[in-house]
Amino acid sequence: MSEQERQEFFKERAGTEDARFHVVPSEEEWAVKEEGKEEPEYTTDSKDEAIEKAIELADENDTIAYVHSSSGEIEEQYNYETK
Protein backbone atom coordinates (compact mmCIF):
# COMPACT_ATOMS: atom_id res chain seq x y z
CA MET A 1 0.00 0.00 0.00
CA SER A 2 1.45 3.37 -0.97
CA GLU A 3 1.64 6.24 1.51
CA GLN A 4 -1.13 8.06 -0.38
CA GLU A 5 -3.38 4.99 -0.27
CA ARG A 6 -2.65 4.59 3.44
CA GLN A 7 -3.59 8.21 4.16
CA GLU A 8 -6.83 7.87 2.16
CA PHE A 9 -7.68 4.67 4.03
CA PHE A 10 -7.33 6.41 7.40
CA LYS A 11 -9.21 9.53 6.22
CA GLU A 12 -12.15 7.35 5.18
CA ARG A 13 -12.21 5.77 8.66
CA ALA A 14 -12.04 9.09 10.54
CA GLY A 15 -15.20 9.74 12.53
CA THR A 16 -16.58 6.27 11.86
CA GLU A 17 -16.81 3.28 14.15
CA ASP A 18 -13.76 1.86 12.36
CA ALA A 19 -11.47 4.72 13.45
CA ARG A 20 -8.87 3.82 16.04
CA PHE A 21 -6.96 5.99 18.50
CA HIS A 22 -3.15 6.01 18.58
CA VAL A 23 -0.77 7.20 21.30
CA VAL A 24 2.19 8.61 19.38
CA PRO A 25 5.25 10.74 20.10
CA SER A 26 4.79 14.33 18.96
CA GLU A 27 7.77 16.68 19.18
CA GLU A 28 8.54 16.78 22.93
CA GLU A 29 5.19 15.40 24.10
CA TRP A 30 2.76 12.55 23.54
CA ALA A 31 -0.39 12.84 21.44
CA VAL A 32 -3.60 10.85 21.09
CA LYS A 33 -4.65 10.92 17.46
CA GLU A 34 -7.73 9.52 15.78
CA GLU A 35 -7.01 7.82 12.48
CA GLY A 36 -7.53 10.12 9.53
CA LYS A 37 -7.36 13.37 11.47
CA GLU A 38 -4.37 15.71 11.39
CA GLU A 39 -4.96 17.40 14.75
CA PRO A 40 -4.53 15.35 17.91
CA GLU A 41 -7.46 14.74 20.23
CA TYR A 42 -5.19 15.25 23.24
CA THR A 43 -1.56 16.11 24.03
CA THR A 44 0.46 15.79 27.24
CA ASP A 45 4.02 15.51 28.52
CA SER A 46 3.19 12.11 30.03
CA LYS A 47 2.91 8.94 27.97
CA ASP A 48 0.88 7.36 30.79
CA GLU A 49 -1.67 10.20 30.65
CA ALA A 50 -1.90 9.85 26.88
CA ILE A 51 -2.52 6.11 27.26
CA GLU A 52 -5.29 6.75 29.80
CA LYS A 53 -6.98 9.23 27.45
CA ALA A 54 -6.68 6.89 24.44
CA ILE A 55 -8.19 4.04 26.46
CA GLU A 56 -11.05 6.30 27.56
CA LEU A 57 -11.74 7.40 23.96
CA ALA A 58 -11.52 3.84 22.62
CA ASP A 59 -13.89 2.58 25.30
CA GLU A 60 -16.41 5.37 24.64
CA ASN A 61 -16.26 4.71 20.88
CA ASP A 62 -16.16 0.87 20.95
CA THR A 63 -12.87 0.75 19.08
CA ILE A 64 -9.14 0.08 19.63
CA ALA A 65 -6.38 2.15 21.22
CA TYR A 66 -2.84 1.50 19.98
CA VAL A 67 0.21 2.60 21.98
CA HIS A 68 3.34 3.32 19.95
CA SER A 69 6.91 3.47 21.17
CA SER A 70 9.03 6.58 20.77
CA SER A 71 10.35 5.05 17.53
CA GLY A 72 6.85 4.39 16.17
CA GLU A 73 6.34 0.64 16.63
CA ILE A 74 3.12 -0.57 18.22
CA GLU A 75 3.84 -1.70 21.80
CA GLU A 76 0.34 -2.41 23.12
CA GLN A 77 -3.28 -2.38 22.09
CA TYR A 78 -6.51 -2.10 24.04
CA ASN A 79 -9.54 -3.51 22.26
CA TYR A 80 -13.00 -2.21 23.16
CA GLU A 81 -14.74 -3.27 19.93
CA THR A 82 -16.89 -5.82 21.76
CA LYS A 83 -18.17 -5.18 25.25
PDB file of N, CA and C in Angstrom:
ATOM      1  N   MET A   1       0.860  -1.170   0.000  1.00  0.00           N
ATOM      2  CA  MET A   1       0.000   0.000   0.000  1.00  0.00           C
ATOM      3  C   MET A   1       0.906   1.233   0.000  1.00  0.00           C
ATOM      4  N   SER A   2       0.648   2.145  -0.911  1.00  0.00           N
ATOM      5  CA  SER A   2       1.447   3.367  -0.970  1.00  0.00           C
ATOM      6  C   SER A   2       1.070   4.300   0.183  1.00  0.00           C
ATOM      7  N   GLU A   3       1.922   5.271   0.443  1.00  0.00           N
ATOM      8  CA  GLU A   3       1.642   6.240   1.508  1.00  0.00           C
ATOM      9  C   GLU A   3       0.343   6.997   1.229  1.00  0.00           C
ATOM     10  N   GLN A   4       0.105   7.354  -0.019  1.00  0.00           N
ATOM     11  CA  GLN A   4      -1.129   8.061  -0.376  1.00  0.00           C
ATOM     12  C   GLN A   4      -2.356   7.183  -0.132  1.00  0.00           C
ATOM     13  N   GLU A   5      -2.274   5.914  -0.516  1.00  0.00           N
ATOM     14  CA  GLU A   5      -3.380   4.986  -0.275  1.00  0.00           C
ATOM     15  C   GLU A   5      -3.625   4.804   1.214  1.00  0.00           C
ATOM     16  N   ARG A   6      -2.545   4.736   1.984  1.00  0.00           N
ATOM     17  CA  ARG A   6      -2.650   4.593   3.439  1.00  0.00           C
ATOM     18  C   ARG A   6      -3.353   5.800   4.055  1.00  0.00           C
ATOM     19  N   GLN A   7      -2.966   6.996   3.630  1.00  0.00           N
ATOM     20  CA  GLN A   7      -3.594   8.214   4.155  1.00  0.00           C
ATOM     21  C   GLN A   7      -5.072   8.264   3.797  1.00  0.00           C
ATOM     22  N   GLU A   8      -5.422   7.887   2.577  1.00  0.00           N
ATOM     23  CA  GLU A   8      -6.826   7.870   2.164  1.00  0.00           C
ATOM     24  C   GLU A   8      -7.621   6.855   2.982  1.00  0.00           C
ATOM     25  N   PHE A   9      -7.033   5.699   3.224  1.00  0.00           N
ATOM     26  CA  PHE A   9      -7.679   4.669   4.026  1.00  0.00           C
ATOM     27  C   PHE A   9      -8.038   5.209   5.402  1.00  0.00           C
ATOM     28  N   PHE A  10      -7.077   5.872   6.063  1.00  0.00           N
ATOM     29  CA  PHE A  10      -7.330   6.408   7.397  1.00  0.00           C
ATOM     30  C   PHE A  10      -8.310   7.578   7.366  1.00  0.00           C
ATOM     31  N   LYS A  11      -8.255   8.413   6.333  1.00  0.00           N
ATOM     32  CA  LYS A  11      -9.209   9.525   6.219  1.00  0.00           C
ATOM     33  C   LYS A  11     -10.636   9.005   6.102  1.00  0.00           C
ATOM     34  N   GLU A  12     -10.816   7.932   5.346  1.00  0.00           N
ATOM     35  CA  GLU A  12     -12.151   7.351   5.179  1.00  0.00           C
ATOM     36  C   GLU A  12     -12.686   6.791   6.492  1.00  0.00           C
ATOM     37  N   ARG A  13     -11.796   6.343   7.371  1.00  0.00           N
ATOM     38  CA  ARG A  13     -12.210   5.772   8.657  1.00  0.00           C
ATOM     39  C   ARG A  13     -12.460   6.837   9.710  1.00  0.00           C
ATOM     40  N   ALA A  14     -11.911   8.029   9.536  1.00  0.00           N
ATOM     41  CA  ALA A  14     -12.041   9.091  10.544  1.00  0.00           C
ATOM     42  C   ALA A  14     -13.510   9.362  10.830  1.00  0.00           C
ATOM     43  N   GLY A  15     -13.835   9.429  12.122  1.00  0.00           N
ATOM     44  CA  GLY A  15     -15.198   9.743  12.531  1.00  0.00           C
ATOM     45  C   GLY A  15     -16.175   8.597  12.389  1.00  0.00           C
ATOM     46  N   THR A  16     -15.698   7.430  11.969  1.00  0.00           N
ATOM     47  CA  THR A  16     -16.580   6.266  11.855  1.00  0.00           C
ATOM     48  C   THR A  16     -16.260   5.296  12.986  1.00  0.00           C
ATOM     49  N   GLU A  17     -17.064   4.255  13.098  1.00  0.00           N
ATOM     50  CA  GLU A  17     -16.814   3.277  14.153  1.00  0.00           C
ATOM     51  C   GLU A  17     -15.561   2.453  13.875  1.00  0.00           C
ATOM     52  N   ASP A  18     -14.995   2.572  12.681  1.00  0.00           N
ATOM     53  CA  ASP A  18     -13.761   1.859  12.356  1.00  0.00           C
ATOM     54  C   ASP A  18     -12.503   2.631  12.738  1.00  0.00           C
ATOM     55  N   ALA A  19     -12.634   3.908  13.096  1.00  0.00           N
ATOM     56  CA  ALA A  19     -11.467   4.716  13.447  1.00  0.00           C
ATOM     57  C   ALA A  19     -10.882   4.253  14.773  1.00  0.00           C
ATOM     58  N   ARG A  20      -9.571   4.195  14.817  1.00  0.00           N
ATOM     59  CA  ARG A  20      -8.870   3.822  16.036  1.00  0.00           C
ATOM     60  C   ARG A  20      -8.139   5.035  16.599  1.00  0.00           C
ATOM     61  N   PHE A  21      -7.725   4.926  17.850  1.00  0.00           N
ATOM     62  CA  PHE A  21      -6.957   5.990  18.496  1.00  0.00           C
ATOM     63  C   PHE A  21      -5.532   5.491  18.712  1.00  0.00           C
ATOM     64  N   HIS A  22      -4.568   6.367  18.465  1.00  0.00           N
ATOM     65  CA  HIS A  22      -3.152   6.013  18.579  1.00  0.00           C
ATOM     66  C   HIS A  22      -2.453   6.964  19.528  1.00  0.00           C
ATOM     67  N   VAL A  23      -1.666   6.412  20.446  1.00  0.00           N
ATOM     68  CA  VAL A  23      -0.773   7.205  21.301  1.00  0.00           C
ATOM     69  C   VAL A  23       0.556   7.246  20.567  1.00  0.00           C
ATOM     70  N   VAL A  24       0.971   8.456  20.184  1.00  0.00           N
ATOM     71  CA  VAL A  24       2.188   8.606  19.380  1.00  0.00           C
ATOM     72  C   VAL A  24       3.054   9.737  19.921  1.00  0.00           C
ATOM     73  N   PRO A  25       4.381   9.627  19.714  1.00  0.00           N
ATOM     74  CA  PRO A  25       5.254  10.736  20.099  1.00  0.00           C
ATOM     75  C   PRO A  25       5.004  11.913  19.172  1.00  0.00           C
ATOM     76  N   SER A  26       5.038  13.120  19.734  1.00  0.00           N
ATOM     77  CA  SER A  26       4.794  14.332  18.965  1.00  0.00           C
ATOM     78  C   SER A  26       5.696  15.438  19.495  1.00  0.00           C
ATOM     79  N   GLU A  27       6.761  15.718  18.752  1.00  0.00           N
ATOM     80  CA  GLU A  27       7.770  16.685  19.183  1.00  0.00           C
ATOM     81  C   GLU A  27       8.273  16.298  20.567  1.00  0.00           C
ATOM     82  N   GLU A  28       8.050  17.108  21.582  1.00  0.00           N
ATOM     83  CA  GLU A  28       8.540  16.780  22.925  1.00  0.00           C
ATOM     84  C   GLU A  28       7.416  16.363  23.862  1.00  0.00           C
ATOM     85  N   GLU A  29       6.318  15.845  23.292  1.00  0.00           N
ATOM     86  CA  GLU A  29       5.192  15.405  24.100  1.00  0.00           C
ATOM     87  C   GLU A  29       4.582  14.158  23.473  1.00  0.00           C
ATOM     88  N   TRP A  30       3.497  13.697  24.052  1.00  0.00           N
ATOM     89  CA  TRP A  30       2.762  12.550  23.538  1.00  0.00           C
ATOM     90  C   TRP A  30       1.391  13.016  23.091  1.00  0.00           C
ATOM     91  N   ALA A  31       0.897  12.438  21.996  1.00  0.00           N
ATOM     92  CA  ALA A  31      -0.390  12.838  21.438  1.00  0.00           C
ATOM     93  C   ALA A  31      -1.293  11.622  21.289  1.00  0.00           C
ATOM     94  N   VAL A  32      -2.582  11.854  21.415  1.00  0.00           N
ATOM     95  CA  VAL A  32      -3.597  10.853  21.089  1.00  0.00           C
ATOM     96  C   VAL A  32      -4.245  11.336  19.801  1.00  0.00           C
ATOM     97  N   LYS A  33      -4.106  10.532  18.754  1.00  0.00           N
ATOM     98  CA  LYS A  33      -4.648  10.917  17.457  1.00  0.00           C
ATOM     99  C   LYS A  33      -5.665   9.890  16.986  1.00  0.00           C
ATOM    100  N   GLU A  34      -6.748  10.393  16.409  1.00  0.00           N
ATOM    101  CA  GLU A  34      -7.726   9.524  15.777  1.00  0.00           C
ATOM    102  C   GLU A  34      -7.297   9.325  14.336  1.00  0.00           C
ATOM    103  N   GLU A  35      -7.396   8.093  13.857  1.00  0.00           N
ATOM    104  CA  GLU A  35      -7.009   7.815  12.478  1.00  0.00           C
ATOM    105  C   GLU A  35      -7.725   8.743  11.512  1.00  0.00           C
ATOM    106  N   GLY A  36      -6.964   9.278  10.578  1.00  0.00           N
ATOM    107  CA  GLY A  36      -7.525  10.120   9.531  1.00  0.00           C
ATOM    108  C   GLY A  36      -7.605  11.588   9.858  1.00  0.00           C
ATOM    109  N   LYS A  37      -7.305  11.965  11.074  1.00  0.00           N
ATOM    110  CA  LYS A  37      -7.360  13.372  11.466  1.00  0.00           C
ATOM    111  C   LYS A  37      -5.954  13.897  11.716  1.00  0.00           C
ATOM    112  N   GLU A  38      -5.696  15.103  11.235  1.00  0.00           N
ATOM    113  CA  GLU A  38      -4.374  15.709  11.395  1.00  0.00           C
ATOM    114  C   GLU A  38      -4.138  16.170  12.831  1.00  0.00           C
ATOM    115  N   GLU A  39      -5.115  16.835  13.415  1.00  0.00           N
ATOM    116  CA  GLU A  39      -4.958  17.404  14.750  1.00  0.00           C
ATOM    117  C   GLU A  39      -5.182  16.340  15.821  1.00  0.00           C
ATOM    118  N   PRO A  40      -4.338  16.324  16.839  1.00  0.00           N
ATOM    119  CA  PRO A  40      -4.527  15.346  17.914  1.00  0.00           C
ATOM    120  C   PRO A  40      -5.768  15.647  18.746  1.00  0.00           C
ATOM    121  N   GLU A  41      -6.332  14.603  19.309  1.00  0.00           N
ATOM    122  CA  GLU A  41      -7.460  14.735  20.233  1.00  0.00           C
ATOM    123  C   GLU A  41      -6.980  15.255  21.585  1.00  0.00           C
ATOM    124  N   TYR A  42      -5.714  14.957  21.910  1.00  0.00           N
ATOM    125  CA  TYR A  42      -5.192  15.255  23.244  1.00  0.00           C
ATOM    126  C   TYR A  42      -3.675  15.228  23.175  1.00  0.00           C
ATOM    127  N   THR A  43      -3.017  16.135  23.908  1.00  0.00           N
ATOM    128  CA  THR A  43      -1.561  16.109  24.035  1.00  0.00           C
ATOM    129  C   THR A  43      -1.172  16.294  25.499  1.00  0.00           C
ATOM    130  N   THR A  44      -0.025  15.725  25.861  1.00  0.00           N
ATOM    131  CA  THR A  44       0.456  15.787  27.239  1.00  0.00           C
ATOM    132  C   THR A  44       1.949  15.493  27.256  1.00  0.00           C
ATOM    133  N   ASP A  45       2.606  15.853  28.341  1.00  0.00           N
ATOM    134  CA  ASP A  45       4.017  15.513  28.524  1.00  0.00           C
ATOM    135  C   ASP A  45       4.198  14.071  28.979  1.00  0.00           C
ATOM    136  N   SER A  46       3.125  13.444  29.429  1.00  0.00           N
ATOM    137  CA  SER A  46       3.191  12.111  30.027  1.00  0.00           C
ATOM    138  C   SER A  46       2.606  11.050  29.093  1.00  0.00           C
ATOM    139  N   LYS A  47       3.410  10.047  28.786  1.00  0.00           N
ATOM    140  CA  LYS A  47       2.914   8.937  27.967  1.00  0.00           C
ATOM    141  C   LYS A  47       1.789   8.208  28.692  1.00  0.00           C
ATOM    142  N   ASP A  48       1.926   8.034  30.015  1.00  0.00           N
ATOM    143  CA  ASP A  48       0.882   7.357  30.789  1.00  0.00           C
ATOM    144  C   ASP A  48      -0.452   8.090  30.708  1.00  0.00           C
ATOM    145  N   GLU A  49      -0.425   9.418  30.773  1.00  0.00           N
ATOM    146  CA  GLU A  49      -1.669  10.204  30.651  1.00  0.00           C
ATOM    147  C   GLU A  49      -2.267  10.045  29.261  1.00  0.00           C
ATOM    148  N   ALA A  50      -1.416  10.031  28.249  1.00  0.00           N
ATOM    149  CA  ALA A  50      -1.902   9.854  26.877  1.00  0.00           C
ATOM    150  C   ALA A  50      -2.548   8.476  26.721  1.00  0.00           C
ATOM    151  N   ILE A  51      -1.950   7.462  27.314  1.00  0.00           N
ATOM    152  CA  ILE A  51      -2.523   6.109  27.256  1.00  0.00           C
ATOM    153  C   ILE A  51      -3.894   6.086  27.932  1.00  0.00           C
ATOM    154  N   GLU A  52      -4.003   6.702  29.105  1.00  0.00           N
ATOM    155  CA  GLU A  52      -5.293   6.752  29.805  1.00  0.00           C
ATOM    156  C   GLU A  52      -6.363   7.407  28.943  1.00  0.00           C
ATOM    157  N   LYS A  53      -6.017   8.515  28.292  1.00  0.00           N
ATOM    158  CA  LYS A  53      -6.979   9.226  27.449  1.00  0.00           C
ATOM    159  C   LYS A  53      -7.363   8.380  26.233  1.00  0.00           C
ATOM    160  N   ALA A  54      -6.389   7.722  25.603  1.00  0.00           N
ATOM    161  CA  ALA A  54      -6.680   6.888  24.439  1.00  0.00           C
ATOM    162  C   ALA A  54      -7.593   5.728  24.818  1.00  0.00           C
ATOM    163  N   ILE A  55      -7.346   5.128  25.977  1.00  0.00           N
ATOM    164  CA  ILE A  55      -8.191   4.036  26.457  1.00  0.00           C
ATOM    165  C   ILE A  55      -9.615   4.541  26.698  1.00  0.00           C
ATOM    166  N   GLU A  56      -9.732   5.706  27.310  1.00  0.00           N
ATOM    167  CA  GLU A  56     -11.055   6.305  27.560  1.00  0.00           C
ATOM    168  C   GLU A  56     -11.792   6.535  26.237  1.00  0.00           C
ATOM    169  N   LEU A  57     -11.118   7.120  25.258  1.00  0.00           N
ATOM    170  CA  LEU A  57     -11.739   7.403  23.960  1.00  0.00           C
ATOM    171  C   LEU A  57     -12.114   6.108  23.229  1.00  0.00           C
ATOM    172  N   ALA A  58     -11.230   5.117  23.270  1.00  0.00           N
ATOM    173  CA  ALA A  58     -11.516   3.838  22.616  1.00  0.00           C
ATOM    174  C   ALA A  58     -12.715   3.149  23.264  1.00  0.00           C
ATOM    175  N   ASP A  59     -12.778   3.193  24.577  1.00  0.00           N
ATOM    176  CA  ASP A  59     -13.892   2.577  25.297  1.00  0.00           C
ATOM    177  C   ASP A  59     -15.209   3.273  24.953  1.00  0.00           C
ATOM    178  N   GLU A  60     -15.198   4.602  24.958  1.00  0.00           N
ATOM    179  CA  GLU A  60     -16.408   5.374  24.637  1.00  0.00           C
ATOM    180  C   GLU A  60     -16.883   5.126  23.210  1.00  0.00           C
ATOM    181  N   ASN A  61     -15.935   4.848  22.298  1.00  0.00           N
ATOM    182  CA  ASN A  61     -16.258   4.706  20.879  1.00  0.00           C
ATOM    183  C   ASN A  61     -16.252   3.264  20.384  1.00  0.00           C
ATOM    184  N   ASP A  62     -16.157   2.298  21.310  1.00  0.00           N
ATOM    185  CA  ASP A  62     -16.165   0.872  20.952  1.00  0.00           C
ATOM    186  C   ASP A  62     -15.142   0.549  19.862  1.00  0.00           C
ATOM    187  N   THR A  63     -13.913   0.965  20.074  1.00  0.00           N
ATOM    188  CA  THR A  63     -12.871   0.747  19.083  1.00  0.00           C
ATOM    189  C   THR A  63     -11.577   0.327  19.768  1.00  0.00           C
ATOM    190  N   ILE A  64     -10.441   0.528  19.120  1.00  0.00           N
ATOM    191  CA  ILE A  64      -9.144   0.077  19.627  1.00  0.00           C
ATOM    192  C   ILE A  64      -8.225   1.264  19.874  1.00  0.00           C
ATOM    193  N   ALA A  65      -7.434   1.175  20.947  1.00  0.00           N
ATOM    194  CA  ALA A  65      -6.377   2.150  21.216  1.00  0.00           C
ATOM    195  C   ALA A  65      -5.041   1.437  21.021  1.00  0.00           C
ATOM    196  N   TYR A  66      -4.185   2.028  20.205  1.00  0.00           N
ATOM    197  CA  TYR A  66      -2.836   1.504  19.976  1.00  0.00           C
ATOM    198  C   TYR A  66      -1.839   2.418  20.656  1.00  0.00           C
ATOM    199  N   VAL A  67      -0.858   1.840  21.327  1.00  0.00           N
ATOM    200  CA  VAL A  67       0.207   2.599  21.979  1.00  0.00           C
ATOM    201  C   VAL A  67       1.494   2.338  21.201  1.00  0.00           C
ATOM    202  N   HIS A  68       2.101   3.420  20.715  1.00  0.00           N
ATOM    203  CA  HIS A  68       3.335   3.325  19.946  1.00  0.00           C
ATOM    204  C   HIS A  68       4.529   3.679  20.826  1.00  0.00           C
ATOM    205  N   SER A  69       5.668   3.115  20.494  1.00  0.00           N
ATOM    206  CA  SER A  69       6.913   3.470  21.175  1.00  0.00           C
ATOM    207  C   SER A  69       7.414   4.803  20.642  1.00  0.00           C
ATOM    208  N   SER A  70       8.466   5.324  21.235  1.00  0.00           N
ATOM    209  CA  SER A  70       9.029   6.585  20.766  1.00  0.00           C
ATOM    210  C   SER A  70       9.586   6.469  19.354  1.00  0.00           C
ATOM    211  N   SER A  71       9.868   5.242  18.894  1.00  0.00           N
ATOM    212  CA  SER A  71      10.351   5.046  17.530  1.00  0.00           C
ATOM    213  C   SER A  71       9.234   4.676  16.553  1.00  0.00           C
ATOM    214  N   GLY A  72       7.995   4.574  17.053  1.00  0.00           N
ATOM    215  CA  GLY A  72       6.846   4.388  16.174  1.00  0.00           C
ATOM    216  C   GLY A  72       6.233   3.005  16.124  1.00  0.00           C
ATOM    217  N   GLU A  73       6.916   1.987  16.661  1.00  0.00           N
ATOM    218  CA  GLU A  73       6.342   0.642  16.630  1.00  0.00           C
ATOM    219  C   GLU A  73       5.196   0.522  17.629  1.00  0.00           C
ATOM    220  N   ILE A  74       4.228  -0.329  17.301  1.00  0.00           N
ATOM    221  CA  ILE A  74       3.118  -0.571  18.220  1.00  0.00           C
ATOM    222  C   ILE A  74       3.613  -1.457  19.360  1.00  0.00           C
ATOM    223  N   GLU A  75       3.418  -0.972  20.590  1.00  0.00           N
ATOM    224  CA  GLU A  75       3.836  -1.698  21.795  1.00  0.00           C
ATOM    225  C   GLU A  75       2.679  -2.462  22.440  1.00  0.00           C
ATOM    226  N   GLU A  76       1.509  -1.828  22.456  1.00  0.00           N
ATOM    227  CA  GLU A  76       0.345  -2.408  23.118  1.00  0.00           C
ATOM    228  C   GLU A  76      -0.912  -2.028  22.360  1.00  0.00           C
ATOM    229  N   GLN A  77      -1.979  -2.781  22.601  1.00  0.00           N
ATOM    230  CA  GLN A  77      -3.279  -2.381  22.089  1.00  0.00           C
ATOM    231  C   GLN A  77      -4.342  -2.729  23.130  1.00  0.00           C
ATOM    232  N   TYR A  78      -5.370  -1.911  23.138  1.00  0.00           N
ATOM    233  CA  TYR A  78      -6.509  -2.097  24.045  1.00  0.00           C
ATOM    234  C   TYR A  78      -7.755  -2.154  23.172  1.00  0.00           C
ATOM    235  N   ASN A  79      -8.408  -3.292  23.168  1.00  0.00           N
ATOM    236  CA  ASN A  79      -9.538  -3.513  22.264  1.00  0.00           C
ATOM    237  C   ASN A  79     -10.858  -3.385  23.011  1.00  0.00           C
ATOM    238  N   TYR A  80     -11.673  -2.422  22.576  1.00  0.00           N
ATOM    239  CA  TYR A  80     -13.002  -2.206  23.161  1.00  0.00           C
ATOM    240  C   TYR A  80     -14.082  -2.350  22.087  1.00  0.00           C
ATOM    241  N   GLU A  81     -13.766  -3.095  21.022  1.00  0.00           N
ATOM    242  CA  GLU A  81     -14.743  -3.268  19.933  1.00  0.00           C
ATOM    243  C   GLU A  81     -15.959  -4.067  20.378  1.00  0.00           C
ATOM    244  N   THR A  82     -15.766  -5.023  21.248  1.00  0.00           N
ATOM    245  CA  THR A  82     -16.891  -5.816  21.758  1.00  0.00           C
ATOM    246  C   THR A  82     -16.909  -5.724  23.254  1.00  0.00           C
ATOM    247  N   LYS A  83     -18.025  -5.334  23.790  1.00  0.00           N
ATOM    248  CA  LYS A  83     -18.171  -5.184  25.249  1.00  0.00           C
ATOM    249  C   LYS A  83     -18.969  -6.321  25.803  1.00  0.00           C
TER     250      LYS A  83
END
